[in-house]
């Protein structure tokens, strides 16, 4: 994977034309790269039409808040992540899904995420947010290590796994850039509402457990790994006997699935690298046990052919 230098463009305020920026010397001996680093230029403005739309159709902030909260009430765990570590530590927050939904509703803005630099050990990933209405811009740059957890420690990811490592790391950088650019109070309300919606899941607990096991199966997490973490059988009866709230346990696991898929944690970090590769146990005969049919993977539709990026908004 190469770290190609992305094209940089500048809007001419007088002609409305888009001009490619180069690193040739400018006034005072400063290069275009220097100006960008100093925040003196708007980055990644793709077309003059975006700026024109921003001027003709200013955003309605109240409408933005109303629509985002409505989406959060429906999205539930898709809008937040929750990581429960073995020592009992819990980390939670707004997820990538919430960030991308929010920026699409905010409108009149652009987000660009790309590799700034690549070494043998890591990617340096940069995400830029530009608000065309207010001329506000923000950048986030973070190091994404090319390491993955394995039994005995961390090792460099294989070439095949590097795409996933990059996409997960870039998603986190993009999420943080977006969330720090939009109204904090609205994001926090949407996050809290999504958590409440996840707890109010109307499906029977047994169906929720089956769906969670199916989704964990796609991530190569076995029933044994799940039960080892919660310390009890992952059935409705088993959870009740352990004096735990089944709805909260299910909501917690759905948030964890979001966290793993969003790159906030990994299966190895959460469940332990020594458990990777274990085979799922046969369904037991205890009351409420999940059958193989319950967790059989669903047939996924074949994606359309194309060259679209997973990070495009």
Protein backbone atom coordinates (compact mmCIF):
# COMPACT_ATOMS: atom_id res chain seq x y z
CA UNK A 1 0.00 0.00 0.00
CA UNK A 2 1.62 3.21 -1.05
CA UNK A 3 1.29 6.58 0.62
CA UNK A 4 0.55 8.63 -2.45
CA UNK A 5 0.57 12.38 -1.96
CA UNK A 6 -3.06 13.52 -2.32
CA UNK A 7 -3.96 16.28 -4.74
CA UNK A 8 -4.52 19.64 -3.04
CA UNK A 9 -6.79 22.29 -4.48
CA UNK A 10 -7.56 25.93 -3.74
CA UNK A 11 -10.65 27.98 -4.51
CA UNK A 12 -10.02 31.31 -6.26
CA UNK A 13 -12.49 33.69 -4.51
CA UNK A 14 -12.61 36.05 -7.50
CA UNK A 15 -13.11 33.62 -10.39
CA UNK A 16 -14.63 30.66 -8.54
CA UNK A 17 -12.16 28.35 -10.25
CA UNK A 18 -10.47 25.41 -8.61
CA UNK A 19 -6.68 25.64 -8.82
CA UNK A 20 -4.25 22.83 -8.05
CA UNK A 21 -1.81 23.76 -5.30
CA UNK A 22 1.85 22.83 -5.59
CA UNK A 23 4.76 23.07 -3.21
CA UNK A 24 6.54 25.72 -5.27
CA UNK A 25 7.95 28.66 -3.28
CA UNK A 26 5.49 31.43 -2.52
CA UNK A 27 5.68 34.82 -0.91
CA UNK A 28 8.16 35.08 1.93
CA UNK A 29 9.79 31.83 0.90
CA UNK A 30 6.85 29.79 2.21
CA UNK A 31 5.53 26.85 0.25
CA UNK A 32 1.93 25.81 -0.20
CA UNK A 33 2.71 22.95 2.19
CA UNK A 34 3.74 25.50 4.83
CA UNK A 35 0.50 27.42 4.41
CA UNK A 36 -1.54 24.24 4.71
CA UNK A 37 0.28 23.28 7.89
CA UNK A 38 -0.44 26.73 9.28
CA UNK A 39 -4.13 26.39 8.51
CA UNK A 40 -4.05 29.24 6.00
CA UNK A 41 -5.77 27.36 3.20
CA UNK A 42 -8.99 25.35 2.95
CA UNK A 43 -8.14 21.73 2.17
CA UNK A 44 -9.75 19.34 -0.24
CA UNK A 45 -12.40 21.62 -1.78
CA UNK A 46 -13.48 19.45 -4.66
CA UNK A 47 -15.87 21.66 -6.60
CA UNK A 48 -17.02 25.24 -6.51
CA UNK A 49 -20.61 23.98 -6.46
CA UNK A 50 -20.25 22.89 -2.84
CA UNK A 51 -19.44 26.43 -1.78
CA UNK A 52 -22.26 27.83 -3.90
CA UNK A 53 -24.80 25.46 -2.33
CA UNK A 54 -23.61 26.45 1.14
CA UNK A 55 -24.30 30.08 0.34
CA UNK A 56 -27.70 29.45 -1.25
CA UNK A 57 -28.99 26.82 1.21
CA UNK A 58 -27.69 27.52 4.72
CA UNK A 59 -28.21 24.73 7.23
CA UNK A 60 -31.05 24.59 9.73
CA UNK A 61 -29.37 23.66 13.02
CA UNK A 62 -32.66 22.85 14.75
CA UNK A 63 -33.63 20.51 11.93
CA UNK A 64 -30.20 18.88 12.17
CA UNK A 65 -30.72 18.17 15.88
CA UNK A 66 -34.26 16.84 15.42
CA UNK A 67 -33.27 14.49 12.59
CA UNK A 68 -30.14 13.19 14.33
CA UNK A 69 -31.99 12.41 17.56
CA UNK A 70 -34.69 10.60 15.59
CA UNK A 71 -32.03 8.52 13.86
CA UNK A 72 -30.35 7.73 17.18
CA UNK A 73 -33.62 6.44 18.61
CA UNK A 74 -33.81 3.98 15.72
CA UNK A 75 -30.12 3.11 15.36
CA UNK A 76 -29.45 2.05 18.95
CA UNK A 77 -26.13 0.17 19.21
CA UNK A 78 -25.13 1.18 15.68
CA UNK A 79 -24.50 4.68 17.04
CA UNK A 80 -22.26 3.87 20.00
CA UNK A 81 -19.50 1.54 21.11
CA UNK A 82 -19.00 -0.08 24.50
CA UNK A 83 -15.91 -2.02 25.56
CA UNK A 84 -15.95 -4.04 28.77
CA UNK A 85 -12.46 -5.28 29.65
CA UNK A 86 -11.60 -8.27 31.83
CA UNK A 87 -10.66 -6.04 34.77
CA UNK A 88 -14.15 -4.52 34.76
CA UNK A 89 -13.16 -1.27 33.04
CA UNK A 90 -15.86 0.04 30.71
CA UNK A 91 -15.14 2.47 27.87
CA UNK A 92 -18.00 3.84 25.79
CA UNK A 93 -18.69 6.69 23.41
CA UNK A 94 -20.28 7.81 20.12
CA UNK A 95 -19.41 5.46 17.27
CA UNK A 96 -18.39 5.87 13.66
CA UNK A 97 -22.01 5.37 12.58
CA UNK A 98 -23.16 8.34 14.68
CA UNK A 99 -20.35 10.54 13.37
CA UNK A 100 -21.07 9.80 9.72
CA UNK A 101 -24.82 10.23 10.14
CA UNK A 102 -24.24 13.54 11.92
CA UNK A 103 -21.93 14.98 9.28
CA UNK A 104 -24.32 13.99 6.48
CA UNK A 105 -27.18 15.78 8.23
CA UNK A 106 -25.02 18.80 9.12
CA UNK A 107 -24.46 19.43 5.42
CA UNK A 108 -22.46 22.07 3.58
CA UNK A 109 -19.22 20.48 4.71
CA UNK A 110 -16.65 17.93 3.58
CA UNK A 111 -14.49 15.29 5.25
CA UNK A 112 -11.39 13.79 3.71
CA UNK A 113 -9.37 10.97 5.30
CA UNK A 114 -6.14 9.69 3.83
CA UNK A 115 -2.66 8.34 4.50
CA UNK A 116 -0.29 11.20 5.24
CA UNK A 117 2.76 9.00 5.59
CA UNK A 118 3.55 5.28 5.72
CA UNK A 119 6.45 3.45 7.32
CA UNK A 120 7.17 -0.21 7.88
CA UNK A 121 5.68 0.02 11.39
CA UNK A 122 2.69 2.32 10.99
CA UNK A 123 0.40 4.55 8.95
CA UNK A 124 0.16 8.25 9.72
CA UNK A 125 -3.51 8.96 8.99
CA UNK A 126 -4.96 12.44 8.57
CA UNK A 127 -8.59 13.51 8.47
CA UNK A 128 -9.73 17.03 7.48
CA UNK A 129 -13.12 18.62 8.12
CA UNK A 130 -14.18 21.79 6.29
CA UNK A 131 -17.39 23.75 6.93
CA UNK A 132 -18.24 25.76 3.80
CA UNK A 133 -20.69 28.02 5.63
CA UNK A 134 -18.45 29.18 8.47
CA UNK A 135 -15.05 28.60 6.82
CA UNK A 136 -14.17 26.51 9.89
CA UNK A 137 -11.68 23.69 9.37
CA UNK A 138 -10.16 21.08 11.63
CA UNK A 139 -7.54 18.37 11.15
CA UNK A 140 -6.75 15.22 13.12
CA UNK A 141 -3.58 13.22 12.56
CA UNK A 142 -2.91 9.95 14.35
CA UNK A 143 -0.53 7.04 14.11
CA UNK A 144 -2.11 3.69 13.22
CA UNK A 145 0.22 0.84 14.10
CA UNK A 146 0.54 -2.11 11.74
CA UNK A 147 0.52 -4.45 14.72
CA UNK A 148 -2.10 -6.99 15.78
CA UNK A 149 -2.43 -8.92 19.05
CA UNK A 150 -1.44 -12.56 18.97
CA UNK A 151 -0.69 -15.16 21.60
CA UNK A 152 2.58 -14.13 23.17
CA UNK A 153 2.40 -10.45 22.18
CA UNK A 154 1.96 -8.16 19.20
CA UNK A 155 3.15 -8.96 15.69
CA UNK A 156 3.10 -7.03 12.44
CA UNK A 157 -0.08 -7.63 10.45
CA UNK A 158 0.17 -9.64 7.27
CA UNK A 159 -0.12 -7.82 3.97
CA UNK A 160 -3.61 -9.28 3.59
CA UNK A 161 -4.69 -7.89 6.98
CA UNK A 162 -3.19 -4.43 6.49
CA UNK A 163 -6.23 -3.12 4.60
CA UNK A 164 -8.47 -3.89 7.57
CA UNK A 165 -5.95 -2.42 10.02
CA UNK A 166 -5.85 0.79 8.00
CA UNK A 167 -9.61 1.05 7.50
CA UNK A 168 -10.33 0.56 11.19
CA UNK A 169 -7.67 3.05 12.23
CA UNK A 170 -8.75 5.60 9.62
CA UNK A 171 -12.39 5.27 10.71
CA UNK A 172 -11.39 6.24 14.27
CA UNK A 173 -9.42 9.27 13.07
CA UNK A 174 -12.31 10.32 10.85
CA UNK A 175 -14.84 9.85 13.66
CA UNK A 176 -12.81 11.95 16.11
CA UNK A 177 -12.35 14.73 13.56
CA UNK A 178 -16.08 14.89 12.83
CA UNK A 179 -17.26 14.70 16.44
CA UNK A 180 -14.90 17.47 17.52
CA UNK A 181 -16.20 19.70 14.73
CA UNK A 182 -19.96 19.42 15.37
CA UNK A 183 -22.08 20.72 18.29
CA UNK A 184 -21.01 18.66 21.31
CA UNK A 185 -24.33 18.88 23.15
CA UNK A 186 -26.24 17.42 20.19
CA UNK A 187 -23.75 14.56 19.78
CA UNK A 188 -23.96 13.73 23.49
CA UNK A 189 -27.77 13.68 23.42
CA UNK A 190 -27.75 11.40 20.39
CA UNK A 191 -25.26 9.08 22.11
CA UNK A 192 -27.38 8.82 25.27
CA UNK A 193 -30.56 8.30 23.26
CA UNK A 194 -28.89 5.51 21.25
CA UNK A 195 -27.92 3.74 24.49
CA UNK A 196 -31.49 3.96 25.80
CA UNK A 197 -32.81 2.61 22.49
CA UNK A 198 -30.42 -0.36 22.70
CA UNK A 199 -31.73 -1.20 26.19
CA UNK A 200 -35.32 -0.98 24.99
CA UNK A 201 -34.89 -3.61 22.29
CA UNK A 202 -38.34 -5.15 21.86
CA UNK A 203 -37.22 -8.55 20.55
CA UNK A 204 -37.35 -11.43 23.07
CA UNK A 205 -34.08 -12.02 24.91
CA UNK A 206 -33.63 -15.41 23.26
CA UNK A 207 -33.81 -13.82 19.81
CA UNK A 208 -31.40 -11.08 20.87
CA UNK A 209 -28.90 -13.69 22.08
CA UNK A 210 -29.17 -15.64 18.82
CA UNK A 211 -28.61 -12.46 16.78
CA UNK A 212 -25.60 -11.47 18.94
CA UNK A 213 -24.05 -14.92 18.52
CA UNK A 214 -24.56 -14.73 14.78
CA UNK A 215 -22.87 -11.34 14.58
CA UNK A 216 -20.03 -12.45 16.87
CA UNK A 217 -19.61 -15.54 14.70
CA UNK A 218 -18.86 -13.27 11.75
CA UNK A 219 -16.01 -11.85 13.87
CA UNK A 220 -14.76 -15.35 14.81
CA UNK A 221 -15.84 -14.98 18.44
CA UNK A 222 -17.06 -18.26 19.90
CA UNK A 223 -19.72 -18.97 22.51
CA UNK A 224 -16.98 -20.21 24.85
CA UNK A 225 -15.17 -16.87 24.58
CA UNK A 226 -18.36 -14.95 25.35
CA UNK A 227 -19.27 -17.09 28.36
CA UNK A 228 -15.74 -16.86 29.73
CA UNK A 229 -15.98 -13.08 29.69
CA UNK A 230 -19.39 -12.76 31.38
CA UNK A 231 -18.77 -15.65 33.78
CA UNK A 232 -22.06 -17.45 33.15
CA UNK A 233 -23.93 -19.35 30.40
CA UNK A 234 -25.00 -16.95 27.66
CA UNK A 235 -28.67 -17.91 27.84
CA UNK A 236 -31.63 -16.07 29.31
CA UNK A 237 -31.81 -18.49 32.23
CA UNK A 238 -28.05 -18.50 32.77
CA UNK A 239 -27.91 -14.71 32.91
CA UNK A 240 -30.80 -14.56 35.38
CA UNK A 241 -29.15 -17.15 37.64
CA UNK A 242 -26.03 -15.00 37.67
CA UNK A 243 -28.26 -12.13 38.90
CA UNK A 244 -27.54 -9.99 35.87
CA UNK A 245 -29.88 -7.95 33.72
CA UNK A 246 -30.25 -9.80 30.42
CA UNK A 247 -31.26 -6.65 28.50
CA UNK A 248 -28.16 -4.80 29.73
CA UNK A 249 -25.89 -7.73 28.91
CA UNK A 250 -27.28 -7.93 25.37
CA UNK A 251 -27.02 -4.16 24.86
CA UNK A 252 -23.44 -4.26 26.14
CA UNK A 253 -22.48 -6.98 23.67
CA UNK A 254 -24.13 -5.15 20.77
CA UNK A 255 -22.09 -2.08 21.68
CA UNK A 256 -18.97 -4.25 21.80
CA UNK A 257 -19.67 -5.57 18.31
CA UNK A 258 -19.88 -1.98 17.08
CA UNK A 259 -16.58 -1.23 18.83
CA UNK A 260 -14.81 -4.16 17.15
CA UNK A 261 -16.19 -3.36 13.72
CA UNK A 262 -15.34 0.33 14.16
CA UNK A 263 -11.76 -0.40 15.17
CA UNK A 264 -12.04 0.86 18.77
CA UNK A 265 -10.89 -2.53 20.03
CA UNK A 266 -10.12 -5.98 18.67
CA UNK A 267 -11.30 -9.50 19.42
CA UNK A 268 -7.87 -10.32 20.85
CA UNK A 269 -7.78 -7.26 23.11
CA UNK A 270 -11.27 -7.93 24.46
CA UNK A 271 -11.42 -11.69 24.76
CA UNK A 272 -7.73 -12.55 24.96
CA UNK A 273 -5.35 -13.56 22.20
CA UNK A 274 -4.95 -17.04 23.68
CA UNK A 275 -8.57 -17.78 22.82
CA UNK A 276 -8.22 -16.99 19.14
CA UNK A 277 -8.76 -20.01 16.95
CA UNK A 278 -10.83 -21.99 19.44
CA UNK A 279 -13.68 -23.86 17.88
CA UNK A 280 -17.25 -23.12 18.92
CA UNK A 281 -18.58 -25.82 21.30
CA UNK A 282 -21.47 -28.01 20.33
CA UNK A 283 -24.87 -26.80 21.52
CA UNK A 284 -25.52 -28.11 25.02
CA UNK A 285 -28.72 -29.55 26.36
CA UNK A 286 -29.12 -26.99 29.13
CA UNK A 287 -32.37 -25.00 29.16
CA UNK A 288 -32.35 -22.12 26.71
CA UNK A 289 -29.23 -23.25 24.86
CA UNK A 290 -28.68 -21.81 21.40
CA UNK A 291 -28.88 -24.30 18.56
CA UNK A 292 -26.62 -24.29 15.47
CA UNK A 293 -29.60 -23.13 13.42
CA UNK A 294 -29.94 -20.06 15.64
CA UNK A 295 -26.45 -18.83 14.82
CA UNK A 296 -26.17 -19.95 11.21
CA UNK A 297 -24.78 -17.07 9.13
CA UNK A 298 -27.28 -15.27 7.01
CA UNK A 299 -26.84 -15.30 3.24
CA UNK A 300 -25.26 -11.98 2.33
CA UNK A 301 -26.09 -10.31 -1.00
CA UNK A 302 -23.20 -10.01 -3.43
CA UNK A 303 -21.81 -6.44 -3.46
CA UNK A 304 -21.93 -4.50 -6.69
CA UNK A 305 -18.66 -4.25 -8.51
CA UNK A 306 -16.92 -0.92 -8.25
CA UNK A 307 -13.94 0.97 -6.93
CA UNK A 308 -15.63 2.93 -4.18
CA UNK A 309 -13.67 3.55 -0.98
CA UNK A 310 -14.99 2.33 2.35
CA UNK A 311 -14.15 5.72 3.78
CA UNK A 312 -16.08 7.86 1.37
CA UNK A 313 -18.99 9.80 2.83
